[in-house]
């Protein structure tokens, strides 16, 4: 038995529910994408409109990505942004 609130919540709502685990992982990925987009905008002093022009999309899409509200494949969009800026997305597996 654990006293850790996060562990208790995980055990109760996620542990035996693959669908919820996948939703949680998507939220984590979307959060990381959001952080990377914010970082790259600051690094290159880009507005949402500037970034949208680079990948031929709408500034509202960039806003959705940055706020974690994007309904599509956020990792793919981050890859498009990286490619447009001559950058690469690093993806790796690490111990949990």
Protein backbone atom coordinates (compact mmCIF):
# COMPACT_ATOMS: atom_id res chain seq x y z
CA UNK A 1 0.00 0.00 0.00
CA UNK A 2 1.24 3.49 -0.83
CA UNK A 3 0.62 6.95 0.56
CA UNK A 4 1.76 8.65 -2.66
CA UNK A 5 -1.29 10.47 -4.05
CA UNK A 6 -0.13 10.25 -7.67
CA UNK A 7 0.48 6.53 -7.37
CA UNK A 8 -2.93 6.01 -5.78
CA UNK A 9 -4.62 7.91 -8.63
CA UNK A 10 -2.62 5.99 -11.23
CA UNK A 11 -3.50 2.66 -9.65
CA UNK A 12 -7.17 3.58 -9.39
CA UNK A 13 -7.74 5.10 -12.84
CA UNK A 14 -4.95 4.02 -15.19
CA UNK A 15 -3.17 0.84 -14.08
CA UNK A 16 -5.51 -1.69 -15.68
CA UNK A 17 -6.97 0.57 -18.38
CA UNK A 18 -4.91 0.59 -21.59
CA UNK A 19 -7.13 3.20 -23.25
CA UNK A 20 -6.59 5.65 -20.38
CA UNK A 21 -2.85 4.91 -20.35
CA UNK A 22 -2.68 5.78 -24.06
CA UNK A 23 -4.64 9.00 -23.46
CA UNK A 24 -2.23 9.91 -20.67
CA UNK A 25 0.80 9.29 -22.91
CA UNK A 26 -0.75 11.43 -25.67
CA UNK A 27 -1.24 14.24 -23.16
CA UNK A 28 2.39 13.92 -22.06
CA UNK A 29 3.58 14.03 -25.68
CA UNK A 30 1.34 17.01 -26.45
CA UNK A 31 2.75 18.80 -23.41
CA UNK A 32 6.32 18.18 -24.55
CA UNK A 33 5.47 19.36 -28.08
CA UNK A 34 3.93 22.50 -26.59
CA UNK A 35 7.09 23.21 -24.59
CA UNK A 36 9.31 22.68 -27.63
CA UNK A 37 7.22 25.01 -29.79
CA UNK A 38 7.35 27.71 -27.13
CA UNK A 39 11.11 27.23 -26.85
CA UNK A 40 11.70 27.45 -30.61
CA UNK A 41 9.48 30.53 -30.92
CA UNK A 42 11.57 32.30 -28.28
CA UNK A 43 14.85 31.08 -29.76
CA UNK A 44 14.02 32.42 -33.24
CA UNK A 45 11.78 35.30 -32.06
CA UNK A 46 8.83 33.95 -34.08
CA UNK A 47 5.16 34.75 -33.73
CA UNK A 48 2.43 32.18 -34.33
CA UNK A 49 1.87 33.75 -37.73
CA UNK A 50 5.59 33.50 -38.61
CA UNK A 51 5.71 29.85 -37.60
CA UNK A 52 2.46 29.08 -39.41
CA UNK A 53 3.82 30.56 -42.65
CA UNK A 54 6.90 28.35 -42.41
CA UNK A 55 4.82 25.17 -42.46
CA UNK A 56 1.88 26.45 -44.51
CA UNK A 57 -0.75 26.26 -41.78
CA UNK A 58 -3.01 28.59 -39.86
CA UNK A 59 -1.74 30.58 -36.84
CA UNK A 60 -4.62 29.09 -34.83
CA UNK A 61 -3.08 25.67 -35.42
CA UNK A 62 0.16 26.88 -33.87
CA UNK A 63 -1.84 28.31 -30.98
CA UNK A 64 -3.59 24.97 -30.48
CA UNK A 65 -0.28 23.12 -30.56
CA UNK A 66 1.28 25.50 -28.07
CA UNK A 67 -1.70 25.22 -25.73
CA UNK A 68 -1.90 21.43 -25.96
CA UNK A 69 -5.33 21.61 -27.61
CA UNK A 70 -4.35 20.31 -31.06
CA UNK A 71 -6.56 17.40 -32.13
CA UNK A 72 -4.22 16.01 -34.79
CA UNK A 73 -0.74 14.50 -34.64
CA UNK A 74 1.25 17.04 -32.62
CA UNK A 75 4.50 15.11 -33.03
CA UNK A 76 4.15 15.25 -36.82
CA UNK A 77 3.56 19.00 -36.64
CA UNK A 78 6.64 19.43 -34.46
CA UNK A 79 8.61 17.48 -37.06
CA UNK A 80 7.37 19.82 -39.80
CA UNK A 81 8.38 22.84 -37.72
CA UNK A 82 11.81 21.35 -37.02
CA UNK A 83 12.33 20.58 -40.70
CA UNK A 84 11.34 24.12 -41.72
CA UNK A 85 13.88 25.51 -39.24
CA UNK A 86 16.62 23.07 -40.31
CA UNK A 87 16.39 21.32 -36.96
CA UNK A 88 15.73 17.72 -35.95
CA UNK A 89 13.47 16.17 -33.35
CA UNK A 90 15.29 13.74 -31.08
CA UNK A 91 13.23 10.78 -29.94
CA UNK A 92 14.53 8.22 -27.46
CA UNK A 93 13.41 5.55 -25.05
CA UNK A 94 14.57 5.84 -21.46
CA UNK A 95 13.97 3.86 -18.30
CA UNK A 96 10.79 4.83 -16.48
